Amino acid sequence: QVQLVESGGGSVQAGDSLRLSCAASGRAVRATSNNGMGWFRQAPGKEREAVAGISWNGGQKVYVDSVRGRFTISRDRSKNTLYLEMNDLKSEDTAVYYCAARRDAFAALSAEGYNYWGQGTQVTVSS
């Protein structure tokens, strides 16, 4: 069974920071260690949107415009863990955040190509 488990969400004030983690276990370790990964989010009443993507070795990173300069995606392949450092959080960042793994090794924002998904972690930012 492929498992991606997010953690680190919570309720914070605008301007605060949070660090999300996504741990791969089971078959997900082999399925993700040489693959691109990413973070997505879905706010209430809105469609899921891509936040950031990272290539298999961390050499390439991509961000949606709304978070560029505030969020940083990274990964530690030795720990099979993906991270999202979120700074200067805004109320519009409130959403359920999901990590996902791609079929290939690339960094990408399109949901197409992501075939493994976590269950999500809630981030709530109060202004």
Foldseek 3Di string as FASTA:
>chain_A
DWAWAKDWADEEAAQAKIKMKIAIDDCNLVQAQQWKKFKWWDDPPGDIFTAKIAFNQRPDIDGDPVQPPFWDWDDDSVRRMIMIIGGRDDQVVWTWMKMFTFNHGDTDGDPPRTDDIHPTDTHGYHD
